[in-house]
C-alpha cells in the first residue's frame, strides 16, 4: 500500500516541475538570451555613434578659418544701387566661411536695399560669393490716398521705397491699386496721343472715381464707371471733339467734366470768364 500512495506524490512532483519549466521559458527567450539580436542592437548603437562623431568632426572642420570668403562678385552691375550700399550690405550679412555662410540671410539683406527687387546669391569656389541683382525700374510716383506716403511704382505695378527725381507721371490711389493705375495709364495715354498731350497724373478715389491730369494743365474728370457710358467711351468722345471745341471757345480750360452720359462740362482757368462760342458752330450738347 505504501508504494501505491507514493506514486501519486511522485506524479504531482513531476507535473509541478514541468509547469515551473514552462513558466521560466519566456524569461529564457528574452533579449539577453538572443545573441543575434544583441549583436544587431550593438551594431546600430555603434553606427549611430560613429555617424554623430563624424558629423561633429565635419562641422568642426568646416567652421575652422580654413575657407575664408575673400570676394563678392557682382555679376549684374547695378544702375541705381551704389557701391557703398553693396559694401555695407556685405559687411552686415556675410558671416562665416565659404561653407557656413547663410545664403538666405545674405539674399534677404541685399533685397532690403533701395531699388533692389530681387537678389540671387551663390557660392563660387574657392573663396567668393556671386551676386545677381534685379533692380526696380521706376515708371511713376505713387501717393497712397489714406496716408499720403510717397512711393515709386515699377513696371510690374509694384510699389517700393526709393528716392528719384526722374520725369515720371504721378499716381494717387487707395492702398493696393497701383497695378490698376499702371494699366489705366497705359490705356489712357494711348488714347490721348492724337491730341499731342501727355498724361502726367492719374488719380483714383476710394469711390472708384478717375481723374486725368495732362501736361497742358487740363484736368479731365472721368468719374466712375457707368454701364450706359463706360469710361473709355466718354473719353473717346471727348478726344474726338476737343480740338474743335478749343477753336470755338478760344479760352483756357482748367477742368473738363466727363461724368455726363451725353456731354461734358468745362470750367475756365479764369473763373470770371463766361463760356460762349467764338462763332456759331452748330455744335450741341456742350456746356
Protein backbone atom coordinates (compact mmCIF):
# COMPACT_ATOMS: atom_id res chain seq x y z
CA UNK A 1 0.00 0.00 0.00
CA UNK A 2 2.85 2.38 0.75
CA UNK A 3 4.14 2.00 -2.75
CA UNK A 4 0.71 2.78 -4.16
CA UNK A 5 0.47 6.03 -2.16
CA UNK A 6 3.95 7.10 -3.16
CA UNK A 7 3.26 7.10 -6.88
CA UNK A 8 0.71 9.96 -6.94
CA UNK A 9 3.08 12.12 -4.96
CA UNK A 10 5.81 11.41 -7.46
CA UNK A 11 3.49 12.20 -10.34
CA UNK A 12 2.44 15.53 -8.78
CA UNK A 13 6.04 16.48 -8.22
CA UNK A 14 6.83 15.84 -11.90
CA UNK A 15 3.88 17.94 -13.04
CA UNK A 16 4.95 20.85 -10.84
CA UNK A 17 8.47 20.71 -12.27
CA UNK A 18 7.10 20.79 -15.83
CA UNK A 19 4.86 23.76 -15.02
CA UNK A 20 7.81 25.60 -13.50
CA UNK A 21 9.87 24.96 -16.58
CA UNK A 22 7.07 26.31 -18.77
CA UNK A 23 6.82 29.44 -16.56
CA UNK A 24 10.55 30.07 -16.91
CA UNK A 25 10.54 29.56 -20.66
CA UNK A 26 9.55 33.17 -21.60
CA UNK A 27 12.34 34.56 -19.44
CA UNK A 28 14.87 32.34 -21.11
CA UNK A 29 13.67 33.54 -24.54
CA UNK A 30 14.21 37.29 -23.62
CA UNK A 31 16.70 39.81 -25.11
CA UNK A 32 19.69 38.65 -23.10
CA UNK A 33 19.27 35.10 -24.32
CA UNK A 34 19.20 36.11 -28.03
CA UNK A 35 22.80 36.78 -29.11
CA UNK A 36 21.87 37.71 -32.69
CA UNK A 37 19.52 40.47 -31.54
CA UNK A 38 22.06 41.74 -29.05
CA UNK A 39 24.67 41.95 -31.79
CA UNK A 40 22.27 43.89 -34.04
CA UNK A 41 21.45 46.42 -31.32
CA UNK A 42 25.13 46.80 -30.53
CA UNK A 43 25.96 47.38 -34.18
CA UNK A 44 23.21 50.03 -34.52
CA UNK A 45 24.43 51.89 -31.44
CA UNK A 46 27.99 51.79 -32.72
CA UNK A 47 26.92 53.02 -36.16
CA UNK A 48 24.86 55.87 -34.69
CA UNK A 49 27.75 56.97 -32.50
CA UNK A 50 30.12 56.86 -35.47
CA UNK A 51 27.76 58.96 -37.62
CA UNK A 52 27.29 61.52 -34.83
CA UNK A 53 31.03 61.72 -34.26
CA UNK A 54 31.71 62.04 -37.98
CA UNK A 55 29.14 64.82 -38.35
CA UNK A 56 30.60 66.66 -35.38
CA UNK A 57 34.09 66.39 -36.86
CA UNK A 58 32.89 67.66 -40.25
CA UNK A 59 31.07 70.58 -38.64
CA UNK A 60 34.12 71.43 -36.56
CA UNK A 61 36.40 71.22 -39.60
CA UNK A 62 34.17 73.41 -41.76
CA UNK A 63 33.89 76.03 -39.04
CA UNK A 64 37.65 76.45 -38.87
CA UNK A 65 39.12 79.54 -40.60
CA UNK A 66 40.33 77.40 -43.47
CA UNK A 67 37.85 78.55 -46.15
CA UNK A 68 37.50 82.33 -45.70
CA UNK A 69 35.38 84.38 -48.09
CA UNK A 70 37.55 86.97 -49.80
CA UNK A 71 35.41 88.37 -52.62
CA UNK A 72 31.86 89.38 -53.56
CA UNK A 73 31.41 89.21 -57.33
CA UNK A 74 28.54 91.37 -58.63
CA UNK A 75 27.57 89.68 -61.89
CA UNK A 76 24.98 92.30 -62.91
CA UNK A 77 26.36 95.82 -62.33
CA UNK A 78 23.55 97.88 -60.77
CA UNK A 79 22.30 101.14 -62.22
CA UNK A 80 20.80 102.57 -59.02
CA UNK A 81 22.43 100.75 -56.09
CA UNK A 82 25.74 102.33 -55.11
CA UNK A 83 28.99 100.57 -54.32
CA UNK A 84 28.83 101.87 -50.77
CA UNK A 85 25.42 100.27 -50.29
CA UNK A 86 26.72 96.94 -51.58
CA UNK A 87 29.72 97.04 -49.25
CA UNK A 88 27.52 97.90 -46.28
CA UNK A 89 25.13 95.02 -47.00
CA UNK A 90 28.03 92.60 -47.50
CA UNK A 91 29.66 93.51 -44.17
CA UNK A 92 26.32 93.19 -42.43
CA UNK A 93 25.19 89.87 -43.92
CA UNK A 94 28.26 87.81 -44.81
CA UNK A 95 29.12 85.83 -41.69
CA UNK A 96 31.12 82.60 -41.60
CA UNK A 97 33.26 80.95 -44.24
CA UNK A 98 32.64 79.50 -47.69
CA UNK A 99 30.65 76.55 -46.32
CA UNK A 100 28.89 78.05 -43.30
CA UNK A 101 27.67 81.39 -44.70
CA UNK A 102 23.86 81.60 -44.73
CA UNK A 103 22.93 82.42 -48.33
CA UNK A 104 19.27 83.11 -47.47
CA UNK A 105 20.26 85.76 -44.94
CA UNK A 106 22.67 87.35 -47.42
CA UNK A 107 19.98 87.43 -50.11
CA UNK A 108 17.40 88.94 -47.74
CA UNK A 109 19.84 91.67 -46.68
CA UNK A 110 20.55 92.74 -50.25
CA UNK A 111 16.83 92.73 -51.09
CA UNK A 112 16.27 95.31 -48.34
CA UNK A 113 18.40 97.85 -50.21
CA UNK A 114 16.54 100.62 -52.08
CA UNK A 115 15.98 99.82 -55.76
CA UNK A 116 16.67 96.09 -55.32
CA UNK A 117 13.70 94.00 -56.45
CA UNK A 118 15.34 90.57 -56.29
CA UNK A 119 18.75 89.22 -55.32
CA UNK A 120 20.36 85.87 -56.07
CA UNK A 121 23.44 84.74 -54.12
CA UNK A 122 25.56 81.68 -54.91
CA UNK A 123 28.92 80.27 -53.83
CA UNK A 124 31.84 80.47 -56.24
CA UNK A 125 34.72 78.17 -55.40
CA UNK A 126 37.05 78.61 -53.65
CA UNK A 127 36.56 81.88 -51.79
CA UNK A 128 33.83 84.07 -53.33
CA UNK A 129 30.12 84.78 -53.39
CA UNK A 130 28.37 85.54 -56.66
CA UNK A 131 25.63 88.20 -56.55
CA UNK A 132 22.99 88.91 -59.17
CA UNK A 133 20.66 91.88 -58.68
CA UNK A 134 17.38 92.74 -60.36
CA UNK A 135 16.59 96.40 -59.80
CA UNK A 136 13.23 98.13 -59.82
CA UNK A 137 12.58 100.13 -62.97
CA UNK A 138 10.50 103.05 -61.79
CA UNK A 139 7.74 104.30 -64.10
CA UNK A 140 5.66 106.52 -61.80
CA UNK A 141 5.48 108.30 -58.48
CA UNK A 142 2.89 106.98 -56.09
CA UNK A 143 0.96 108.59 -53.25
CA UNK A 144 -1.25 106.45 -51.01
CA UNK A 145 -4.58 108.24 -50.57
CA UNK A 146 -5.14 107.12 -46.98
CA UNK A 147 -1.75 108.12 -45.57
CA UNK A 148 -0.17 110.44 -48.13
CA UNK A 149 3.01 108.34 -48.11
CA UNK A 150 5.23 108.83 -51.17
CA UNK A 151 6.48 105.78 -53.02
CA UNK A 152 7.53 104.68 -56.50
CA UNK A 153 5.88 102.23 -58.90
CA UNK A 154 7.86 99.81 -61.08
CA UNK A 155 6.94 98.24 -64.43
CA UNK A 156 5.27 95.33 -62.67
CA UNK A 157 2.94 97.68 -60.80
CA UNK A 158 4.73 97.04 -57.51
CA UNK A 159 5.19 99.86 -55.02
CA UNK A 160 8.63 100.35 -53.46
CA UNK A 161 10.51 102.92 -51.42
CA UNK A 162 13.35 104.84 -53.05
CA UNK A 163 14.34 108.39 -53.99
CA UNK A 164 14.11 109.64 -57.56
CA UNK A 165 13.94 112.92 -59.46
CA UNK A 166 13.05 111.39 -62.83
CA UNK A 167 10.33 112.85 -65.03
CA UNK A 168 7.50 110.38 -64.38
CA UNK A 169 3.72 110.56 -64.00
CA UNK A 170 2.12 110.89 -60.59
CA UNK A 171 -0.28 108.18 -59.39
CA UNK A 172 -2.68 108.68 -56.50
CA UNK A 173 -4.96 105.94 -55.23
CA UNK A 174 -6.02 103.63 -52.42
CA UNK A 175 -3.67 101.05 -51.00
CA UNK A 176 -3.23 98.13 -53.40
CA UNK A 177 -4.48 99.91 -56.54
CA UNK A 178 -1.09 100.63 -58.14
CA UNK A 179 -1.43 97.83 -60.71
CA UNK A 180 -4.79 99.17 -61.88
CA UNK A 181 -3.45 102.69 -62.21
CA UNK A 182 -0.49 101.47 -64.22
CA UNK A 183 -2.77 99.61 -66.65
CA UNK A 184 -5.17 102.54 -66.98
CA UNK A 185 -2.32 104.97 -67.52
CA UNK A 186 -1.09 102.95 -70.48
CA UNK A 187 -4.61 102.73 -71.90
CA UNK A 188 -5.48 106.42 -71.48
CA UNK A 189 -2.06 107.58 -72.72
CA UNK A 190 -2.55 105.70 -75.98
CA UNK A 191 -5.99 107.24 -76.42
CA UNK A 192 -4.69 110.79 -75.81
CA UNK A 193 -1.90 110.60 -78.39
CA UNK A 194 -4.00 112.23 -81.18
CA UNK A 195 -4.27 115.36 -79.03
CA UNK A 196 -0.48 115.66 -78.71
CA UNK A 197 -0.66 115.78 -74.92
CA UNK A 198 0.93 113.67 -72.21
CA UNK A 199 -0.80 112.11 -69.23
CA UNK A 200 1.29 113.32 -66.28
CA UNK A 201 -1.05 112.39 -63.45
CA UNK A 202 -3.73 109.81 -62.75
CA UNK A 203 -5.87 109.59 -59.63
CA UNK A 204 -8.34 107.00 -58.37
CA UNK A 205 -10.53 107.85 -55.39
CA UNK A 206 -11.82 105.48 -52.75
CA UNK A 207 -15.19 105.66 -54.53
CA UNK A 208 -13.62 104.42 -57.78
CA UNK A 209 -13.71 107.82 -59.50
CA UNK A 210 -10.97 108.65 -62.01
CA UNK A 211 -9.17 111.93 -62.79
CA UNK A 212 -6.61 112.58 -65.52
CA UNK A 213 -4.04 115.39 -65.41
CA UNK A 214 -2.47 116.44 -68.72
CA UNK A 215 0.80 118.28 -69.29
CA UNK A 216 -1.25 121.07 -70.90
CA UNK A 217 -2.71 121.88 -67.49
CA UNK A 218 -6.12 120.39 -68.24
CA UNK A 219 -7.76 118.07 -65.71
CA UNK A 220 -10.24 115.54 -67.07
CA UNK A 221 -12.80 114.29 -64.57
CA UNK A 222 -13.98 110.89 -65.75
CA UNK A 223 -15.76 109.85 -62.60
CA UNK A 224 -16.90 106.31 -62.01
CA UNK A 225 -17.53 103.51 -64.46
CA UNK A 226 -21.06 103.61 -65.91
CA UNK A 227 -22.96 100.81 -67.63
CA UNK A 228 -24.51 103.09 -70.26
CA UNK A 229 -21.46 105.31 -70.68
CA UNK A 230 -18.19 103.48 -69.91
CA UNK A 231 -15.05 105.43 -69.07
CA UNK A 232 -13.37 104.66 -72.38
CA UNK A 233 -16.41 105.71 -74.43
CA UNK A 234 -16.72 109.06 -72.63
CA UNK A 235 -13.02 109.80 -73.00
CA UNK A 236 -13.01 108.82 -76.68
CA UNK A 237 -15.96 111.09 -77.39
CA UNK A 238 -14.20 113.99 -75.69
CA UNK A 239 -10.97 113.39 -77.61
CA UNK A 240 -12.87 113.39 -80.90
CA UNK A 241 -14.45 116.84 -80.39
CA UNK A 242 -11.93 118.60 -78.16
CA UNK A 243 -9.79 120.22 -80.89
CA UNK A 244 -12.89 121.82 -82.42
CA UNK A 245 -14.17 122.97 -79.04
CA UNK A 246 -10.86 124.69 -78.30
CA UNK A 247 -11.11 126.64 -81.55
CA UNK A 248 -14.70 127.65 -80.84
CA UNK A 249 -14.27 128.98 -77.32
CA UNK A 250 -10.65 130.22 -77.50
CA UNK A 251 -10.42 130.18 -73.71
CA UNK A 252 -8.03 128.36 -71.42
CA UNK A 253 -9.90 125.50 -69.77
CA UNK A 254 -8.94 124.17 -66.37
CA UNK A 255 -11.34 121.23 -65.95
CA UNK A 256 -13.32 119.08 -68.36
CA UNK A 257 -16.02 117.13 -66.52
CA UNK A 258 -16.93 113.98 -68.45
CA UNK A 259 -19.26 112.42 -65.91
CA UNK A 260 -22.31 113.19 -68.05
CA UNK A 261 -23.58 110.39 -70.33
CA UNK A 262 -24.42 112.75 -73.21
CA UNK A 263 -21.83 115.52 -72.99
CA UNK A 264 -19.30 117.29 -70.79
CA UNK A 265 -18.91 120.48 -68.78
CA UNK A 266 -15.97 122.88 -68.95
CA UNK A 267 -14.50 125.07 -66.22
CA UNK A 268 -12.33 128.03 -67.37
CA UNK A 269 -8.98 128.68 -65.73
CA UNK A 270 -10.27 132.20 -65.10
CA UNK A 271 -13.46 131.83 -63.10
CA UNK A 272 -14.67 135.27 -64.16
CA UNK A 273 -14.82 134.28 -67.83
CA UNK A 274 -18.23 133.32 -69.21
CA UNK A 275 -18.01 130.50 -71.70
CA UNK A 276 -19.57 131.24 -75.07
CA UNK A 277 -18.78 130.20 -78.64
CA UNK A 278 -16.35 132.40 -80.53
CA UNK A 279 -18.51 131.92 -83.62
CA UNK A 280 -21.64 129.93 -84.47
CA UNK A 281 -20.65 126.32 -84.99
CA UNK A 282 -23.87 124.34 -84.85
CA UNK A 283 -22.45 122.03 -82.18
CA UNK A 284 -24.78 120.94 -79.43
CA UNK A 285 -24.54 119.12 -76.16
CA UNK A 286 -21.68 121.23 -74.67
CA UNK A 287 -21.80 123.44 -71.62
